[in-house]
Protein backbone atom coordinates (compact mmCIF):
# COMPACT_ATOMS: atom_id res chain seq x y z
CA MET A 1 13.65 -16.58 16.55
CA ARG A 2 10.08 -17.82 16.37
CA ILE A 3 8.00 -14.86 15.16
CA LEU A 4 4.23 -14.48 15.07
CA PHE A 5 2.99 -11.89 12.56
CA ILE A 6 -0.66 -10.75 12.72
CA THR A 7 -1.93 -9.10 9.54
CA ASP A 8 -5.27 -8.99 7.74
CA ASN A 9 -3.60 -8.67 4.31
CA PHE A 10 -1.37 -11.33 2.78
CA PRO A 11 -0.82 -12.87 -0.69
CA PRO A 12 -2.48 -13.76 -2.94
CA GLU A 13 -3.75 -10.25 -2.17
CA VAL A 14 -1.58 -7.72 -3.99
CA ASN A 15 -1.92 -4.50 -1.99
CA ALA A 16 1.01 -2.80 -0.29
CA PRO A 17 0.57 -4.30 3.22
CA ALA A 18 0.33 -7.82 1.78
CA SER A 19 3.47 -7.38 -0.34
CA ARG A 20 5.54 -5.80 2.43
CA THR A 21 4.65 -8.46 4.99
CA PHE A 22 5.24 -11.34 2.60
CA GLU A 23 8.56 -10.05 1.27
CA HIS A 24 9.88 -9.28 4.75
CA CYS A 25 8.80 -12.64 6.17
CA ARG A 26 10.27 -14.46 3.17
CA GLU A 27 13.66 -12.89 3.85
CA TRP A 28 13.49 -13.69 7.57
CA VAL A 29 12.78 -17.34 6.80
CA ARG A 30 15.79 -17.39 4.49
CA LEU A 31 17.87 -16.15 7.45
CA GLY A 32 16.72 -19.15 9.49
CA HIS A 33 13.89 -17.65 11.54
CA GLU A 34 10.56 -19.43 11.90
CA VAL A 35 7.70 -17.15 10.87
CA ILE A 36 4.02 -17.88 11.44
CA VAL A 37 1.60 -15.45 9.79
CA VAL A 38 -1.98 -15.36 11.05
CA THR A 39 -4.26 -13.70 8.52
CA CYS A 40 -7.77 -13.88 7.09
CA PHE A 41 -8.89 -15.47 3.84
CA PRO A 42 -7.90 -13.37 0.83
CA ASN A 43 -10.69 -11.00 -0.16
CA PHE A 44 -9.24 -7.50 -0.57
CA PRO A 45 -10.38 -5.18 -2.07
CA MET A 46 -13.67 -6.56 -3.44
CA GLY A 47 -14.86 -8.22 -0.22
CA LYS A 48 -15.18 -11.55 -2.00
CA VAL A 49 -13.14 -14.62 -1.05
CA TYR A 50 -10.67 -15.53 -3.80
CA ASP A 51 -11.17 -18.65 -5.86
CA GLY A 52 -9.63 -21.69 -4.24
CA TYR A 53 -10.41 -20.52 -0.70
CA THR A 54 -13.41 -20.84 1.61
CA ASN A 55 -14.02 -18.56 4.59
CA SER A 56 -13.71 -21.34 7.16
CA LEU A 57 -12.64 -21.38 10.80
CA TYR A 58 -9.07 -22.51 10.13
CA HIS A 59 -6.79 -23.22 7.19
CA LYS A 60 -3.05 -23.83 7.16
CA GLU A 61 -0.75 -23.52 4.16
CA MET A 62 2.91 -22.91 3.37
CA ILE A 63 3.92 -19.98 1.16
CA ALA A 64 7.66 -19.60 0.46
CA ASP A 65 8.39 -21.59 3.65
CA ILE A 66 6.24 -19.19 5.70
CA THR A 67 3.60 -20.93 7.81
CA VAL A 68 0.32 -19.17 7.00
CA ILE A 69 -2.69 -19.68 9.24
CA ARG A 70 -5.96 -18.29 7.84
CA VAL A 71 -8.89 -17.70 10.18
CA TRP A 72 -12.53 -16.82 9.78
CA SER A 73 -13.63 -13.18 9.66
CA TYR A 74 -16.74 -11.28 8.66
CA ILE A 75 -15.93 -10.33 5.07
CA SER A 76 -17.22 -7.09 3.66
CA ALA A 77 -16.29 -4.99 0.64
CA ASN A 78 -14.34 -1.85 1.43
CA GLN A 79 -17.61 0.05 1.73
CA GLY A 80 -19.45 1.19 4.85
CA PHE A 81 -17.55 2.08 7.99
CA LEU A 82 -19.53 -0.14 10.38
CA LYS A 83 -19.19 -3.21 8.14
CA ARG A 84 -15.45 -2.68 7.92
CA ILE A 85 -15.18 -2.34 11.69
CA LEU A 86 -17.08 -5.62 12.06
CA ASP A 87 -14.62 -7.17 9.59
CA TYR A 88 -11.64 -5.91 11.61
CA ILE A 89 -13.02 -6.93 15.00
CA SER A 90 -14.04 -10.42 13.89
CA PHE A 91 -10.54 -11.01 12.53
CA MET A 92 -9.02 -9.69 15.76
CA ILE A 93 -11.06 -12.19 17.81
CA SER A 94 -10.36 -15.18 15.53
CA ALA A 95 -6.65 -14.34 15.27
CA THR A 96 -6.31 -14.05 19.04
CA ILE A 97 -8.06 -17.35 19.77
CA ILE A 98 -6.12 -19.34 17.16
CA SER A 99 -2.74 -17.78 18.02
CA LEU A 100 -3.06 -18.81 21.65
CA LYS A 101 -3.00 -22.42 20.42
CA LEU A 102 0.18 -22.07 18.35
CA GLY A 103 2.73 -22.38 21.16
CA ASN A 104 5.24 -19.82 22.35
CA PHE A 105 6.99 -17.11 20.38
CA ASP A 106 10.03 -14.90 20.82
CA LYS A 107 8.37 -11.83 19.28
CA ILE A 108 4.84 -10.93 18.19
CA ILE A 109 4.19 -8.29 15.52
CA GLY A 110 0.87 -6.64 14.75
CA THR A 111 0.59 -4.41 11.71
CA SER A 112 -1.81 -1.66 10.69
CA PRO A 113 -3.31 0.13 8.54
CA GLN A 114 -6.17 -0.39 11.00
CA PHE A 115 -5.02 -1.19 14.52
CA PHE A 116 -7.21 -4.21 15.37
CA SER A 117 -4.45 -6.56 14.18
CA ALA A 118 -2.20 -4.80 16.67
CA VAL A 119 -4.86 -5.25 19.38
CA ALA A 120 -4.75 -9.00 18.72
CA ALA A 121 -0.94 -8.99 18.89
CA TYR A 122 -1.05 -7.05 22.16
CA LEU A 123 -3.55 -9.45 23.73
CA ILE A 124 -1.57 -12.52 22.65
CA GLY A 125 1.65 -10.98 23.93
CA ALA A 126 0.07 -10.06 27.26
CA ILE A 127 -1.27 -13.60 27.79
CA LYS A 128 1.95 -15.29 26.68
CA PHE A 129 4.31 -12.74 28.33
CA THR A 130 5.89 -12.10 24.92
CA PRO A 131 7.13 -8.76 23.53
CA PHE A 132 4.59 -7.07 21.24
CA ILE A 133 5.86 -4.92 18.37
CA PHE A 134 3.59 -2.46 16.54
CA GLU A 135 4.34 -2.05 12.83
CA LEU A 136 2.82 1.34 12.01
CA ARG A 137 1.70 1.64 8.39
CA ASP A 138 -1.00 4.27 8.90
CA ILE A 139 -2.16 6.75 11.53
CA TRP A 140 -5.52 5.14 12.18
CA PRO A 141 -8.24 6.26 12.98
CA GLU A 142 -7.04 9.71 11.86
CA SER A 143 -6.93 8.44 8.26
CA ILE A 144 -10.64 7.61 8.21
CA ARG A 145 -11.41 11.10 9.47
CA ALA A 146 -9.14 12.54 6.76
CA VAL A 147 -11.12 10.95 3.92
CA GLY A 148 -14.46 11.91 5.39
CA VAL A 149 -15.65 8.42 6.34
CA MET A 150 -16.41 9.64 9.86
CA LYS A 151 -16.44 12.98 11.60
CA ASP A 152 -15.32 13.61 15.16
CA SER A 153 -17.39 11.53 17.53
CA LYS A 154 -17.15 9.65 20.79
CA LEU A 155 -16.38 6.49 18.81
CA ILE A 156 -13.41 8.13 17.06
CA LYS A 157 -12.10 9.49 20.36
CA TRP A 158 -12.44 6.02 21.89
CA PHE A 159 -10.48 4.51 19.00
CA GLU A 160 -7.78 7.13 19.48
CA LEU A 161 -7.48 6.21 23.15
CA ILE A 162 -6.96 2.55 22.15
CA GLU A 163 -4.45 3.64 19.50
CA LEU A 164 -2.41 5.61 22.04
CA TYR A 165 -2.62 2.76 24.55
CA LEU A 166 -1.18 0.34 21.98
CA TYR A 167 1.72 2.67 21.23
CA LYS A 168 2.50 2.87 24.94
CA ARG A 169 2.15 -0.87 25.62
CA SER A 170 4.25 -2.04 22.66
CA VAL A 171 7.89 -2.75 23.38
CA HIS A 172 8.81 -1.14 20.07
CA ILE A 173 7.19 0.63 17.12
CA ILE A 174 8.41 0.21 13.55
CA SER A 175 7.09 3.06 11.41
CA VAL A 176 7.09 3.19 7.61
CA THR A 177 7.72 6.97 7.53
CA HIS A 178 9.67 9.54 9.52
CA SER A 179 6.56 11.71 9.58
CA PHE A 180 4.65 9.03 11.50
CA LYS A 181 7.49 8.90 14.01
CA GLU A 182 7.33 12.68 14.45
CA ASN A 183 3.56 12.42 14.96
CA LEU A 184 4.00 9.89 17.75
CA VAL A 185 6.75 11.89 19.44
CA THR A 186 4.41 14.91 19.65
CA ARG A 187 2.00 12.57 21.45
CA HIS A 188 4.65 11.75 24.08
CA ILE A 189 5.82 8.40 22.69
CA PRO A 190 9.62 8.24 23.27
CA ALA A 191 11.60 8.66 20.04
CA ALA A 192 14.02 5.92 21.16
CA LYS A 193 11.13 3.47 21.07
CA ILE A 194 10.44 4.12 17.38
CA SER A 195 12.49 3.04 14.38
CA VAL A 196 11.72 3.73 10.73
CA VAL A 197 11.79 1.06 8.01
CA ARG A 198 10.37 2.49 4.82
CA ASN A 199 8.63 0.48 2.15
CA GLY A 200 10.75 -0.79 -0.69
CA VAL A 201 10.75 -2.76 -3.91
CA ASP A 202 11.49 -6.36 -4.79
CA LEU A 203 14.00 -5.82 -7.60
CA SER A 204 13.69 -9.45 -8.67
CA ARG A 205 10.15 -8.60 -9.84
CA PHE A 206 10.25 -4.91 -10.64
CA TYR A 207 13.08 -3.99 -12.98
CA PRO A 208 13.40 -2.10 -16.30
CA ARG A 209 12.15 -4.05 -19.30
CA PRO A 210 10.85 -3.32 -22.81
CA LYS A 211 7.18 -2.56 -23.22
CA ASP A 212 5.05 -5.67 -23.42
CA LEU A 213 4.07 -5.45 -27.08
CA ALA A 214 1.27 -8.01 -26.82
CA LEU A 215 -0.32 -6.02 -24.01
CA THR A 216 0.19 -2.74 -25.84
CA LYS A 217 -1.56 -4.16 -28.89
CA GLN A 218 -4.35 -5.70 -26.82
CA LEU A 219 -5.11 -2.36 -25.15
CA LYS A 220 -4.72 -0.43 -28.44
CA LEU A 221 -1.93 1.73 -27.10
CA ASP A 222 0.33 1.65 -30.17
CA LYS A 223 1.93 5.07 -30.78
CA CYS A 224 0.39 6.41 -27.57
CA PHE A 225 2.12 8.01 -24.62
CA VAL A 226 0.81 6.02 -21.64
CA ALA A 227 0.29 7.43 -18.16
CA GLY A 228 -1.00 5.05 -15.54
CA TYR A 229 -2.29 4.67 -12.03
CA ILE A 230 -1.80 1.21 -10.49
CA GLY A 231 -3.38 0.54 -7.11
CA THR A 232 -6.49 0.77 -4.98
CA HIS A 233 -9.36 2.93 -6.21
CA GLY A 234 -10.53 4.22 -2.85
CA MET A 235 -11.84 7.32 -1.15
CA ALA A 236 -8.32 8.36 -0.15
CA HIS A 237 -7.12 8.53 -3.75
CA ALA A 238 -9.50 11.11 -5.28
CA LEU A 239 -9.04 9.57 -8.73
CA GLU A 240 -11.75 11.74 -10.23
CA THR A 241 -8.91 14.26 -10.54
CA VAL A 242 -7.17 11.90 -12.97
CA LEU A 243 -10.37 11.60 -15.00
CA ASP A 244 -10.78 15.38 -15.06
CA ALA A 245 -7.20 15.66 -16.34
CA GLY A 246 -8.07 13.10 -19.00
CA GLU A 247 -11.02 15.23 -20.08
CA ILE A 248 -8.72 18.23 -20.46
CA LEU A 249 -6.33 16.18 -22.61
CA GLN A 250 -9.17 14.81 -24.71
CA GLY A 251 -10.10 18.37 -25.62
CA LYS A 252 -6.70 18.98 -27.19
CA GLN A 253 -6.09 18.15 -30.83
CA ASP A 254 -3.31 15.71 -31.75
CA CYS A 255 -2.96 14.56 -28.13
CA HIS A 256 -1.88 10.92 -28.07
CA ILE A 257 -1.86 10.51 -24.28
CA LYS A 258 -3.84 7.59 -22.87
CA ILE A 259 -4.41 6.93 -19.17
CA ILE A 260 -4.86 3.47 -17.68
CA LEU A 261 -6.21 2.83 -14.18
CA LEU A 262 -5.46 -0.68 -12.96
CA GLY A 263 -6.92 -2.01 -9.72
CA SER A 264 -10.10 -2.29 -7.72
CA GLY A 265 -11.67 -0.56 -4.78
CA ALA A 266 -14.73 1.02 -3.25
CA GLN A 267 -14.82 3.92 -5.71
CA LYS A 268 -14.08 2.06 -8.93
CA GLN A 269 -17.62 1.72 -10.25
CA GLU A 270 -18.30 5.38 -9.50
CA LEU A 271 -15.17 6.29 -11.46
CA ILE A 272 -16.26 4.13 -14.41
CA ASP A 273 -19.69 5.74 -14.37
CA TYR A 274 -18.11 9.19 -14.19
CA SER A 275 -15.87 8.39 -17.15
CA VAL A 276 -18.82 7.10 -19.21
CA SER A 277 -20.88 10.17 -18.38
CA ARG A 278 -18.04 12.38 -19.69
CA ASN A 279 -17.51 10.14 -22.74
CA LEU A 280 -13.80 9.86 -21.98
CA LYS A 281 -12.15 7.87 -24.77
CA ASN A 282 -8.60 8.22 -23.44
CA ILE A 283 -9.26 6.42 -20.12
CA ILE A 284 -8.86 2.65 -19.83
CA PHE A 285 -9.98 0.79 -16.71
CA ILE A 286 -8.35 -2.56 -15.96
CA ASP A 287 -9.36 -4.91 -13.15
CA THR A 288 -6.83 -6.18 -10.62
CA VAL A 289 -4.47 -8.72 -12.17
CA ASP A 290 -2.54 -11.59 -10.62
CA LYS A 291 0.64 -10.61 -8.81
CA SER A 292 2.73 -12.42 -11.43
CA GLN A 293 1.25 -10.20 -14.16
CA VAL A 294 1.56 -6.77 -12.53
CA ALA A 295 5.02 -6.00 -13.91
CA ARG A 296 3.74 -6.56 -17.47
CA TYR A 297 1.30 -3.71 -16.97
CA TRP A 298 3.93 -1.53 -15.36
CA SER A 299 6.11 -2.04 -18.44
CA ILE A 300 3.64 -0.32 -20.78
CA LEU A 301 3.68 2.92 -18.77
CA ASP A 302 5.72 5.94 -19.80
CA VAL A 303 4.92 7.72 -16.53
CA CYS A 304 3.29 6.62 -13.29
CA ILE A 305 0.62 8.76 -11.63
CA VAL A 306 0.49 8.79 -7.83
CA HIS A 307 -2.45 10.65 -6.35
CA LEU A 308 -3.97 11.13 -2.91
CA ARG A 309 -6.65 13.43 -1.57
CA ASP A 310 -5.50 16.90 -0.56
CA THR A 311 -5.43 16.57 3.22
CA PRO A 312 -2.67 17.31 5.78
CA LEU A 313 -2.45 13.69 6.97
CA PHE A 314 -1.39 12.46 3.54
CA LYS A 315 1.69 14.67 3.69
CA THR A 316 2.98 12.10 6.19
CA VAL A 317 2.52 8.99 4.02
CA ILE A 318 4.76 7.44 1.37
CA PRO A 319 2.73 5.55 -1.26
CA SER A 320 4.48 2.25 -1.85
CA LYS A 321 3.96 2.40 -5.61
CA ILE A 322 6.70 5.03 -5.92
CA PHE A 323 9.27 2.34 -5.11
CA GLU A 324 7.87 -0.06 -7.72
CA SER A 325 7.96 2.77 -10.24
CA MET A 326 11.61 3.37 -9.34
CA GLY A 327 12.40 -0.30 -9.82
CA MET A 328 10.75 -0.34 -13.25
CA GLY A 329 12.64 2.81 -14.27
CA ILE A 330 9.40 4.76 -14.82
CA PRO A 331 9.29 8.48 -13.90
CA LEU A 332 6.44 9.69 -11.71
CA ILE A 333 3.87 12.44 -11.72
CA HIS A 334 3.50 12.67 -7.97
CA CYS A 335 0.34 14.39 -6.74
CA VAL A 336 1.16 14.14 -3.05
CA LEU A 337 3.00 16.66 -0.88
CA GLY A 338 5.19 16.12 2.18
CA GLU A 339 7.69 13.35 2.92
CA SER A 340 7.05 11.35 -0.24
CA ALA A 341 7.37 14.47 -2.41
CA ARG A 342 10.80 15.12 -0.94
CA ILE A 343 11.92 11.66 -2.10
CA ILE A 344 10.78 12.43 -5.66
CA GLU A 345 12.53 15.81 -5.64
CA ASN A 346 15.74 14.62 -3.97
CA GLU A 347 16.12 11.72 -6.39
CA SER A 348 14.99 13.80 -9.43
CA ILE A 349 12.64 11.06 -10.61
CA GLY A 350 9.51 12.96 -11.55
CA TRP A 351 7.18 15.91 -11.26
CA VAL A 352 5.69 16.93 -7.90
CA ILE A 353 2.38 18.75 -8.25
CA HIS A 354 -0.41 19.74 -5.92
CA PRO A 355 -3.12 17.07 -5.43
CA GLU A 356 -6.65 17.52 -6.77
CA ASP A 357 -5.47 19.89 -9.52
CA PRO A 358 -6.50 18.35 -12.88
CA GLN A 359 -5.13 21.18 -15.03
CA THR A 360 -1.64 20.92 -13.54
CA LEU A 361 -1.79 17.13 -13.83
CA ALA A 362 -2.74 17.40 -17.51
CA ASN A 363 0.10 19.90 -18.06
CA ALA A 364 2.60 17.52 -16.41
CA MET A 365 1.52 14.67 -18.70
CA ILE A 366 1.92 16.94 -21.75
CA GLU A 367 5.39 18.00 -20.62
CA ALA A 368 6.42 14.39 -19.99
CA SER A 369 5.18 13.30 -23.42
CA SER A 370 7.05 16.08 -25.21
CA ASN A 371 10.42 15.97 -23.46
CA ASN A 372 12.14 12.67 -24.19
CA ASP A 373 15.53 13.78 -22.88
CA LEU A 374 14.13 14.77 -19.49
CA LEU A 375 12.07 11.56 -19.32
CA LEU A 376 15.13 9.43 -20.06
CA ARG A 377 17.19 11.25 -17.43
CA MET A 378 14.47 10.69 -14.84
CA ALA A 379 14.21 7.02 -15.82
CA ASN A 380 17.94 6.58 -15.22
CA ASN A 381 17.60 8.31 -11.86
CA CYS A 382 14.78 5.90 -10.97
CA ARG A 383 17.02 2.90 -11.54
CA ALA A 384 19.74 4.37 -9.34
CA ALA A 385 17.33 5.36 -6.57
CA ALA A 386 15.65 1.93 -6.47
CA LYS A 387 18.83 0.34 -5.14
CA LYS A 388 18.48 2.40 -1.95
CA TYR A 389 15.07 0.88 -1.27
CA GLU A 390 15.67 -2.74 -2.21
CA ARG A 391 13.24 -4.85 -0.21
CA ARG A 392 15.82 -7.31 1.05
CA SER A 393 17.84 -4.56 2.74
CA MET A 394 14.64 -3.15 4.27
CA ALA A 395 13.78 -6.62 5.61
CA MET A 396 17.28 -6.92 7.09
CA LYS A 397 16.94 -3.57 8.82
CA MET A 398 13.59 -4.54 10.32
CA ILE A 399 14.74 -7.95 11.59
CA ASN A 400 17.83 -6.36 13.14
CA ASP A 401 15.58 -3.89 14.95
CA ILE A 402 13.42 -6.77 16.16
CA LYS A 403 16.40 -8.81 17.33
CA SER A 404 17.80 -5.86 19.29
CA ILE A 405 14.66 -5.49 21.41
């Protein structure tokens, strides 16, 4: 097949959508399919074009035998709703125009989190009489309402009408969670039209390994129990809870727990300022690192913290970092309820606690640091569970769904 994939995140960006799309497309190319990815110039999450790139009208490159076409978009940091919408819409327009010049395709895929990539895929498919597939990674715009970016308004309702129209006009929907599928079914989208392909982990990159001693020494983590959050520092993540838990731990004598927060995002500077104002000595902020270096930082963790804001919508999501933590053999302190929590509990790979509860989070870190036998058992369970979510098998499932349409 000749597949067109529209996405506004792709490597060298290192967020979950970029990784999933790249790793799936890489496997499809290995199977003999031709994959063309249309994306923007890498800038997430800081809203600044990466070194080596210029935000030009058109740029073509090959990455792991995937043809990558980068197009111009209005680039803005992940701050300010209207600026982000302008970013999304400009990419949608550029992607549509360029894709119409790329010949014919057998299937066209548009992926969220935001749905403007899917709008582009729909438009291209309609013009070229080609099946359009919606990869659903987020219930948008409901997610922006959930984090308080916007309240109910005519604009939100208009976006929701477009969202529902895209679900109806797609030939198939591939959801990353069963909860998203259930949401769509309640909105009268036929269940038979929706398949579920969860996120997964590339076990060639994320696998158990000894702690990186050079990194441990560099960060002055010798003889410390290390808890860590790795990912975007955004409004959805409510990471001030992690800092509050750190403050509780700092108040305890003989507590050798350190917390690292690796990544970037709209809230990062606020979090740094908050930490400084509380004089938190057990919190270490680390900027986003190159994709090739991420596993080194994972290796120094004893437990992984996953945290999202306490809102009903986030009970339907599955943070992708839980699969990387499984692959690395690192137990989790999972501060998210719902479908993802059931994975943690069913696989016995960590603690599930209520989000935005710093005292319970601090208690979980203390328990993890003082119970080596339990931690080792959970680590072994992580390694076993990771095999169920190996990225290659997830890519195979998705391409088989696409071929069957």
